[in-house]
Amino acid sequence: MAQGEVLSAPLTLEYPFRRTVGRVQSAFLTGLREGLVLGIRTTDGRVLCPPTEYDPVTGDELAELVELAPEGTVTTWSWEPEGRPNQPVGGPFAWALVRLDGADTGLLHAVDTGGSPEAMRTGMRVRIRWVDAGDRQGDITDIACFEPEAEA
């Protein structure tokens, strides 16, 4: 090899495996495909969403799935001023933790306020906007985003 010549070799980085999600996550993802959100009841009666297989406090295995409402309350949020490729909303939007009615924890997802950060606030009520039923795959992206509920 001549001095100054760069030695290189092709490299393909890949992860040729599939992950199984287990009973609880499988139920959660199947629910999303069907247009419903499931949480799980913990040992002390709280409901976690997204659900976990084990109680984060006691380590007990969890089994009682709970259907949650498609509406909830924004507990905290952060504004994304520019839409980027593969994000849930094409333009500006908020990332938010949404505590769905019936749950005690928040689900992280996008909230579409039509590009207006002034329309976003902690405590606001939002509702799931689902992907069209025929396009759902059993993935968190089956929730297109959340959108503000109409003021009463």
N, C-alpha and C. Protein backbone atom coordinates (compact mmCIF):
# COMPACT_ATOMS: atom_id res chain seq x y z
N MET A 1 0.86 -1.17 0.00
CA MET A 1 0.00 0.00 0.00
C MET A 1 0.90 1.24 0.00
N ALA A 2 0.60 2.17 -0.86
CA ALA A 2 1.39 3.40 -0.97
C ALA A 2 1.10 4.32 0.20
N GLN A 3 2.12 5.08 0.57
CA GLN A 3 1.95 6.00 1.69
C GLN A 3 0.87 7.03 1.36
N GLY A 4 -0.03 7.29 2.33
CA GLY A 4 -1.13 8.24 2.13
C GLY A 4 -2.38 7.62 1.55
N GLU A 5 -2.28 6.39 1.05
CA GLU A 5 -3.45 5.70 0.51
C GLU A 5 -4.32 5.25 1.67
N VAL A 6 -5.61 5.43 1.53
CA VAL A 6 -6.55 5.06 2.59
C VAL A 6 -7.07 3.66 2.32
N LEU A 7 -6.95 2.83 3.33
CA LEU A 7 -7.47 1.47 3.25
C LEU A 7 -8.93 1.48 3.68
N SER A 8 -9.80 0.90 2.90
CA SER A 8 -11.22 0.86 3.25
C SER A 8 -11.78 -0.51 2.90
N ALA A 9 -12.87 -0.82 3.54
CA ALA A 9 -13.56 -2.08 3.28
C ALA A 9 -15.06 -1.84 3.43
N PRO A 10 -15.88 -2.50 2.63
CA PRO A 10 -17.33 -2.30 2.77
C PRO A 10 -17.82 -2.85 4.11
N LEU A 11 -18.80 -2.19 4.67
CA LEU A 11 -19.39 -2.62 5.93
C LEU A 11 -20.90 -2.47 5.82
N THR A 12 -21.61 -3.52 6.10
CA THR A 12 -23.06 -3.48 6.15
C THR A 12 -23.48 -3.72 7.58
N LEU A 13 -24.13 -2.73 8.16
CA LEU A 13 -24.63 -2.85 9.53
C LEU A 13 -26.09 -3.25 9.45
N GLU A 14 -26.42 -4.38 10.04
CA GLU A 14 -27.81 -4.83 10.01
C GLU A 14 -28.14 -5.58 11.28
N TYR A 15 -29.42 -5.65 11.55
CA TYR A 15 -29.92 -6.36 12.73
C TYR A 15 -30.94 -7.38 12.23
N PRO A 16 -30.45 -8.55 11.80
CA PRO A 16 -31.33 -9.54 11.16
C PRO A 16 -32.12 -10.37 12.17
N PHE A 17 -32.94 -9.72 12.98
CA PHE A 17 -33.77 -10.47 13.93
C PHE A 17 -35.09 -9.75 14.09
N ARG A 18 -36.05 -10.46 14.64
CA ARG A 18 -37.34 -9.89 14.98
C ARG A 18 -37.52 -10.02 16.48
N ARG A 19 -38.09 -9.04 17.07
CA ARG A 19 -38.31 -9.07 18.51
C ARG A 19 -39.75 -9.48 18.77
N THR A 20 -39.95 -10.39 19.69
CA THR A 20 -41.30 -10.70 20.12
C THR A 20 -41.66 -9.75 21.24
N VAL A 21 -42.90 -9.35 21.32
CA VAL A 21 -43.28 -8.32 22.28
C VAL A 21 -43.93 -8.88 23.54
N GLY A 22 -44.28 -10.13 23.57
CA GLY A 22 -44.91 -10.70 24.77
C GLY A 22 -46.40 -10.44 24.82
N ARG A 23 -47.03 -11.05 25.80
CA ARG A 23 -48.49 -11.01 25.91
C ARG A 23 -49.04 -9.60 26.11
N VAL A 24 -48.46 -8.82 27.01
CA VAL A 24 -49.00 -7.50 27.33
C VAL A 24 -48.82 -6.52 26.17
N GLN A 25 -47.61 -6.41 25.65
CA GLN A 25 -47.37 -5.49 24.54
C GLN A 25 -48.12 -5.93 23.28
N SER A 26 -48.23 -7.23 23.09
CA SER A 26 -48.99 -7.74 21.95
C SER A 26 -50.44 -7.30 22.04
N ALA A 27 -51.04 -7.39 23.22
CA ALA A 27 -52.42 -6.95 23.42
C ALA A 27 -52.55 -5.45 23.17
N PHE A 28 -51.58 -4.66 23.67
CA PHE A 28 -51.59 -3.22 23.48
C PHE A 28 -51.54 -2.88 21.99
N LEU A 29 -50.61 -3.48 21.26
CA LEU A 29 -50.45 -3.18 19.83
C LEU A 29 -51.64 -3.68 19.01
N THR A 30 -52.17 -4.84 19.35
CA THR A 30 -53.36 -5.35 18.66
C THR A 30 -54.54 -4.42 18.91
N GLY A 31 -54.66 -3.92 20.14
CA GLY A 31 -55.71 -2.95 20.46
C GLY A 31 -55.60 -1.71 19.60
N LEU A 32 -54.39 -1.19 19.44
CA LEU A 32 -54.21 0.00 18.59
C LEU A 32 -54.68 -0.28 17.17
N ARG A 33 -54.35 -1.44 16.66
CA ARG A 33 -54.80 -1.80 15.30
C ARG A 33 -56.33 -1.80 15.21
N GLU A 34 -56.99 -2.17 16.30
CA GLU A 34 -58.45 -2.23 16.33
C GLU A 34 -59.09 -0.90 16.76
N GLY A 35 -58.27 0.10 17.06
CA GLY A 35 -58.80 1.41 17.42
C GLY A 35 -59.15 1.56 18.89
N LEU A 36 -58.44 0.84 19.75
CA LEU A 36 -58.63 1.04 21.19
C LEU A 36 -57.30 1.00 21.90
N VAL A 37 -57.26 1.66 23.06
CA VAL A 37 -56.02 1.74 23.83
C VAL A 37 -56.21 0.96 25.12
N LEU A 38 -55.23 0.10 25.41
CA LEU A 38 -55.26 -0.69 26.64
C LEU A 38 -54.16 -0.24 27.58
N GLY A 39 -54.50 -0.23 28.87
CA GLY A 39 -53.53 -0.03 29.93
C GLY A 39 -53.51 -1.30 30.76
N ILE A 40 -52.77 -1.28 31.86
CA ILE A 40 -52.70 -2.45 32.73
C ILE A 40 -52.76 -1.98 34.18
N ARG A 41 -53.52 -2.74 34.99
CA ARG A 41 -53.68 -2.41 36.40
C ARG A 41 -52.52 -2.95 37.21
N THR A 42 -51.93 -2.09 38.06
CA THR A 42 -50.81 -2.48 38.90
C THR A 42 -51.30 -3.10 40.20
N THR A 43 -50.38 -3.59 40.97
CA THR A 43 -50.69 -4.23 42.25
C THR A 43 -51.47 -3.29 43.17
N ASP A 44 -51.13 -1.99 43.15
CA ASP A 44 -51.83 -1.04 44.03
C ASP A 44 -53.04 -0.38 43.37
N GLY A 45 -53.45 -0.86 42.18
CA GLY A 45 -54.67 -0.39 41.54
C GLY A 45 -54.50 0.72 40.51
N ARG A 46 -53.30 1.25 40.37
CA ARG A 46 -53.08 2.27 39.35
C ARG A 46 -53.14 1.61 37.97
N VAL A 47 -53.38 2.43 36.94
CA VAL A 47 -53.42 1.93 35.56
C VAL A 47 -52.31 2.60 34.78
N LEU A 48 -51.42 1.77 34.20
CA LEU A 48 -50.29 2.25 33.41
C LEU A 48 -50.61 2.20 31.92
N CYS A 49 -50.26 3.26 31.23
CA CYS A 49 -50.38 3.29 29.77
C CYS A 49 -49.21 4.09 29.23
N PRO A 50 -48.39 3.48 28.38
CA PRO A 50 -48.52 2.12 27.86
C PRO A 50 -48.31 1.08 28.96
N PRO A 51 -48.90 -0.10 28.74
CA PRO A 51 -48.82 -1.15 29.76
C PRO A 51 -47.43 -1.79 29.82
N THR A 52 -47.10 -2.27 31.00
CA THR A 52 -45.85 -3.01 31.20
C THR A 52 -46.20 -4.40 31.73
N GLU A 53 -45.27 -5.33 31.58
CA GLU A 53 -45.52 -6.69 32.04
C GLU A 53 -45.33 -6.86 33.53
N TYR A 54 -44.55 -5.94 34.13
CA TYR A 54 -44.25 -6.06 35.56
C TYR A 54 -44.52 -4.74 36.26
N ASP A 55 -44.99 -4.82 37.49
CA ASP A 55 -45.27 -3.64 38.30
C ASP A 55 -43.94 -2.92 38.57
N PRO A 56 -43.83 -1.63 38.23
CA PRO A 56 -42.56 -0.94 38.43
C PRO A 56 -42.21 -0.72 39.90
N VAL A 57 -43.17 -0.85 40.80
CA VAL A 57 -42.90 -0.66 42.23
C VAL A 57 -42.58 -1.98 42.91
N THR A 58 -43.39 -3.02 42.65
CA THR A 58 -43.23 -4.29 43.36
C THR A 58 -42.50 -5.35 42.56
N GLY A 59 -42.46 -5.22 41.25
CA GLY A 59 -41.87 -6.24 40.40
C GLY A 59 -42.82 -7.39 40.11
N ASP A 60 -44.05 -7.31 40.63
CA ASP A 60 -45.04 -8.37 40.39
C ASP A 60 -45.42 -8.42 38.91
N GLU A 61 -45.68 -9.62 38.41
CA GLU A 61 -46.18 -9.77 37.05
C GLU A 61 -47.60 -9.22 37.00
N LEU A 62 -47.91 -8.48 35.93
CA LEU A 62 -49.23 -7.86 35.79
C LEU A 62 -50.03 -8.57 34.70
N ALA A 63 -51.35 -8.62 34.88
CA ALA A 63 -52.18 -9.36 33.93
C ALA A 63 -53.50 -8.68 33.58
N GLU A 64 -53.98 -7.76 34.43
CA GLU A 64 -55.32 -7.20 34.21
C GLU A 64 -55.27 -6.02 33.25
N LEU A 65 -55.63 -6.26 31.99
CA LEU A 65 -55.68 -5.21 30.99
C LEU A 65 -56.95 -4.38 31.17
N VAL A 66 -56.86 -3.08 30.91
CA VAL A 66 -57.96 -2.15 31.11
C VAL A 66 -58.13 -1.33 29.83
N GLU A 67 -59.34 -1.26 29.30
CA GLU A 67 -59.60 -0.42 28.14
C GLU A 67 -59.70 1.03 28.58
N LEU A 68 -59.02 1.91 27.85
CA LEU A 68 -59.00 3.33 28.19
C LEU A 68 -59.77 4.14 27.17
N ALA A 69 -60.17 5.33 27.57
CA ALA A 69 -60.87 6.25 26.67
C ALA A 69 -59.91 6.81 25.63
N PRO A 70 -60.42 7.22 24.48
CA PRO A 70 -59.56 7.85 23.47
C PRO A 70 -59.30 9.33 23.74
N GLU A 71 -59.81 9.84 24.87
CA GLU A 71 -59.61 11.22 25.25
C GLU A 71 -58.74 11.28 26.50
N GLY A 72 -58.07 12.40 26.67
CA GLY A 72 -57.24 12.56 27.85
C GLY A 72 -56.81 14.00 28.05
N THR A 73 -55.90 14.18 29.00
CA THR A 73 -55.43 15.49 29.41
C THR A 73 -53.92 15.60 29.20
N VAL A 74 -53.48 16.69 28.63
CA VAL A 74 -52.06 16.95 28.45
C VAL A 74 -51.47 17.30 29.81
N THR A 75 -50.45 16.54 30.22
CA THR A 75 -49.80 16.81 31.51
C THR A 75 -48.53 17.63 31.35
N THR A 76 -47.86 17.52 30.23
CA THR A 76 -46.69 18.33 29.92
C THR A 76 -46.44 18.24 28.42
N TRP A 77 -45.73 19.21 27.88
CA TRP A 77 -45.52 19.22 26.42
C TRP A 77 -44.31 20.06 26.05
N SER A 78 -43.86 19.86 24.81
CA SER A 78 -42.75 20.60 24.24
C SER A 78 -43.07 20.88 22.77
N TRP A 79 -42.83 22.09 22.32
CA TRP A 79 -43.18 22.47 20.94
C TRP A 79 -42.09 22.07 19.96
N GLU A 80 -42.49 21.50 18.84
CA GLU A 80 -41.60 21.15 17.72
C GLU A 80 -41.92 22.13 16.60
N PRO A 81 -41.08 23.17 16.40
CA PRO A 81 -41.42 24.23 15.45
C PRO A 81 -41.34 23.85 13.98
N GLU A 82 -40.61 22.79 13.65
CA GLU A 82 -40.48 22.39 12.25
C GLU A 82 -40.75 20.90 12.12
N GLY A 83 -41.67 20.56 11.22
CA GLY A 83 -41.89 19.15 10.93
C GLY A 83 -40.68 18.56 10.24
N ARG A 84 -40.38 17.34 10.54
CA ARG A 84 -39.25 16.64 9.92
C ARG A 84 -39.77 15.35 9.29
N PRO A 85 -39.00 14.75 8.39
CA PRO A 85 -39.45 13.49 7.79
C PRO A 85 -39.71 12.43 8.86
N ASN A 86 -40.72 11.65 8.65
CA ASN A 86 -41.11 10.53 9.51
C ASN A 86 -41.64 10.94 10.87
N GLN A 87 -41.98 12.20 11.06
CA GLN A 87 -42.66 12.60 12.28
C GLN A 87 -44.16 12.54 12.05
N PRO A 88 -44.94 12.43 13.13
CA PRO A 88 -46.37 12.18 12.97
C PRO A 88 -47.17 13.29 12.31
N VAL A 89 -46.71 14.55 12.41
CA VAL A 89 -47.44 15.68 11.84
C VAL A 89 -46.51 16.36 10.85
N GLY A 90 -47.04 16.76 9.70
CA GLY A 90 -46.21 17.33 8.65
C GLY A 90 -45.61 18.69 8.95
N GLY A 91 -46.22 19.46 9.84
CA GLY A 91 -45.71 20.79 10.16
C GLY A 91 -45.43 20.89 11.64
N PRO A 92 -45.41 22.10 12.19
CA PRO A 92 -45.18 22.28 13.61
C PRO A 92 -46.24 21.56 14.46
N PHE A 93 -45.79 21.03 15.60
CA PHE A 93 -46.69 20.31 16.49
C PHE A 93 -46.05 20.23 17.87
N ALA A 94 -46.76 19.64 18.83
CA ALA A 94 -46.22 19.45 20.18
C ALA A 94 -46.02 17.98 20.45
N TRP A 95 -44.91 17.66 21.14
CA TRP A 95 -44.76 16.35 21.77
C TRP A 95 -45.38 16.51 23.15
N ALA A 96 -46.23 15.59 23.55
CA ALA A 96 -46.91 15.74 24.84
C ALA A 96 -47.06 14.41 25.54
N LEU A 97 -47.12 14.48 26.86
CA LEU A 97 -47.56 13.34 27.66
C LEU A 97 -49.05 13.54 27.86
N VAL A 98 -49.82 12.55 27.43
CA VAL A 98 -51.28 12.61 27.54
C VAL A 98 -51.72 11.51 28.50
N ARG A 99 -52.38 11.91 29.58
CA ARG A 99 -52.96 10.93 30.51
C ARG A 99 -54.38 10.66 30.03
N LEU A 100 -54.55 9.49 29.39
CA LEU A 100 -55.87 9.12 28.89
C LEU A 100 -56.82 8.90 30.07
N ASP A 101 -58.09 9.20 29.86
CA ASP A 101 -59.09 8.99 30.90
C ASP A 101 -59.08 7.52 31.30
N GLY A 102 -58.94 7.28 32.59
CA GLY A 102 -58.86 5.91 33.10
C GLY A 102 -57.44 5.46 33.40
N ALA A 103 -56.44 6.26 32.99
CA ALA A 103 -55.03 5.91 33.23
C ALA A 103 -54.45 6.83 34.29
N ASP A 104 -53.37 6.37 34.91
CA ASP A 104 -52.66 7.16 35.91
C ASP A 104 -51.30 7.64 35.43
N THR A 105 -50.91 7.27 34.22
CA THR A 105 -49.63 7.68 33.64
C THR A 105 -49.87 8.25 32.26
N GLY A 106 -48.86 8.93 31.72
CA GLY A 106 -49.00 9.57 30.42
C GLY A 106 -48.41 8.76 29.28
N LEU A 107 -49.02 8.91 28.14
CA LEU A 107 -48.58 8.30 26.88
C LEU A 107 -47.95 9.41 26.05
N LEU A 108 -46.71 9.23 25.61
CA LEU A 108 -46.02 10.23 24.80
C LEU A 108 -46.47 10.12 23.35
N HIS A 109 -46.95 11.24 22.80
CA HIS A 109 -47.33 11.27 21.39
C HIS A 109 -47.42 12.71 20.93
N ALA A 110 -47.70 12.89 19.66
CA ALA A 110 -47.81 14.22 19.05
C ALA A 110 -49.21 14.78 19.24
N VAL A 111 -49.28 16.11 19.38
CA VAL A 111 -50.56 16.83 19.39
C VAL A 111 -50.52 17.83 18.25
N ASP A 112 -51.53 17.75 17.38
CA ASP A 112 -51.63 18.65 16.23
C ASP A 112 -52.59 19.78 16.58
N THR A 113 -52.04 20.99 16.70
CA THR A 113 -52.87 22.17 16.98
C THR A 113 -53.00 23.05 15.74
N GLY A 114 -52.76 22.48 14.58
CA GLY A 114 -52.81 23.26 13.36
C GLY A 114 -51.64 24.21 13.21
N GLY A 115 -50.52 23.88 13.87
CA GLY A 115 -49.32 24.68 13.75
C GLY A 115 -49.24 25.84 14.73
N SER A 116 -50.19 25.92 15.66
CA SER A 116 -50.24 27.05 16.58
C SER A 116 -49.76 26.68 17.98
N PRO A 117 -48.58 27.15 18.40
CA PRO A 117 -48.14 26.87 19.77
C PRO A 117 -49.03 27.55 20.81
N GLU A 118 -49.69 28.66 20.42
CA GLU A 118 -50.59 29.36 21.34
C GLU A 118 -51.82 28.52 21.69
N ALA A 119 -52.16 27.54 20.83
CA ALA A 119 -53.31 26.68 21.09
C ALA A 119 -52.98 25.53 22.03
N MET A 120 -51.70 25.39 22.38
CA MET A 120 -51.24 24.27 23.21
C MET A 120 -51.11 24.72 24.65
N ARG A 121 -51.57 23.88 25.60
CA ARG A 121 -51.39 24.22 27.01
C ARG A 121 -51.49 22.97 27.87
N THR A 122 -50.80 23.00 28.99
CA THR A 122 -50.93 21.93 29.98
C THR A 122 -52.36 21.96 30.51
N GLY A 123 -52.95 20.80 30.67
CA GLY A 123 -54.32 20.70 31.15
C GLY A 123 -55.37 20.66 30.06
N MET A 124 -54.96 20.89 28.82
CA MET A 124 -55.96 20.87 27.74
C MET A 124 -56.44 19.45 27.48
N ARG A 125 -57.65 19.35 27.02
CA ARG A 125 -58.24 18.06 26.67
C ARG A 125 -57.96 17.76 25.20
N VAL A 126 -57.55 16.53 24.94
CA VAL A 126 -57.24 16.09 23.58
C VAL A 126 -57.91 14.74 23.31
N ARG A 127 -57.99 14.42 22.04
CA ARG A 127 -58.61 13.18 21.59
C ARG A 127 -57.71 12.55 20.53
N ILE A 128 -57.70 11.23 20.49
CA ILE A 128 -56.91 10.50 19.48
C ILE A 128 -57.48 10.73 18.09
N ARG A 129 -56.58 11.00 17.13
CA ARG A 129 -56.92 10.95 15.71
C ARG A 129 -56.26 9.67 15.19
N TRP A 130 -57.09 8.70 14.84
CA TRP A 130 -56.59 7.40 14.38
C TRP A 130 -56.21 7.45 12.92
N VAL A 131 -55.26 6.64 12.53
CA VAL A 131 -54.97 6.36 11.13
C VAL A 131 -56.18 5.60 10.58
N ASP A 132 -56.46 5.73 9.30
CA ASP A 132 -57.58 4.99 8.71
C ASP A 132 -57.47 3.51 9.06
N ALA A 133 -58.61 2.89 9.38
CA ALA A 133 -58.63 1.50 9.85
C ALA A 133 -57.90 0.54 8.91
N GLY A 134 -58.04 0.71 7.62
CA GLY A 134 -57.39 -0.19 6.66
C GLY A 134 -55.88 -0.04 6.59
N ASP A 135 -55.36 1.05 7.15
CA ASP A 135 -53.93 1.31 7.11
C ASP A 135 -53.22 1.00 8.43
N ARG A 136 -53.96 0.59 9.44
CA ARG A 136 -53.34 0.32 10.74
C ARG A 136 -52.55 -0.98 10.71
N GLN A 137 -51.40 -0.96 11.42
CA GLN A 137 -50.48 -2.09 11.38
C GLN A 137 -50.24 -2.75 12.74
N GLY A 138 -50.88 -2.25 13.81
CA GLY A 138 -50.57 -2.76 15.14
C GLY A 138 -49.28 -2.14 15.66
N ASP A 139 -49.21 -0.82 15.58
CA ASP A 139 -48.01 -0.07 15.96
C ASP A 139 -48.46 1.24 16.60
N ILE A 140 -47.59 1.89 17.37
CA ILE A 140 -47.96 3.15 18.01
C ILE A 140 -48.33 4.20 16.97
N THR A 141 -47.83 4.07 15.75
CA THR A 141 -48.18 5.01 14.69
C THR A 141 -49.61 4.81 14.17
N ASP A 142 -50.34 3.82 14.69
CA ASP A 142 -51.77 3.71 14.38
C ASP A 142 -52.54 4.88 14.99
N ILE A 143 -51.95 5.49 16.01
CA ILE A 143 -52.45 6.78 16.50
C ILE A 143 -51.73 7.81 15.64
N ALA A 144 -52.46 8.47 14.75
CA ALA A 144 -51.83 9.49 13.88
C ALA A 144 -51.28 10.60 14.76
N CYS A 145 -52.07 11.05 15.72
CA CYS A 145 -51.68 12.08 16.67
C CYS A 145 -52.87 12.30 17.59
N PHE A 146 -52.73 13.23 18.50
CA PHE A 146 -53.85 13.72 19.28
C PHE A 146 -54.23 15.07 18.73
N GLU A 147 -55.48 15.47 18.93
CA GLU A 147 -55.93 16.80 18.53
C GLU A 147 -56.79 17.37 19.64
N PRO A 148 -56.83 18.70 19.76
CA PRO A 148 -57.63 19.30 20.82
C PRO A 148 -59.10 18.92 20.68
N GLU A 149 -59.74 18.68 21.84
CA GLU A 149 -61.19 18.46 21.84
C GLU A 149 -61.87 19.80 21.63
N ALA A 150 -63.03 19.76 21.01
CA ALA A 150 -63.80 20.99 20.81
C ALA A 150 -64.21 21.52 22.17
N GLU A 151 -64.08 22.83 22.37
CA GLU A 151 -64.49 23.46 23.62
C GLU A 151 -66.00 23.41 23.72
N ALA A 152 -66.52 23.08 24.91
CA ALA A 152 -67.97 22.98 25.11
C ALA A 152 -68.57 24.34 25.35
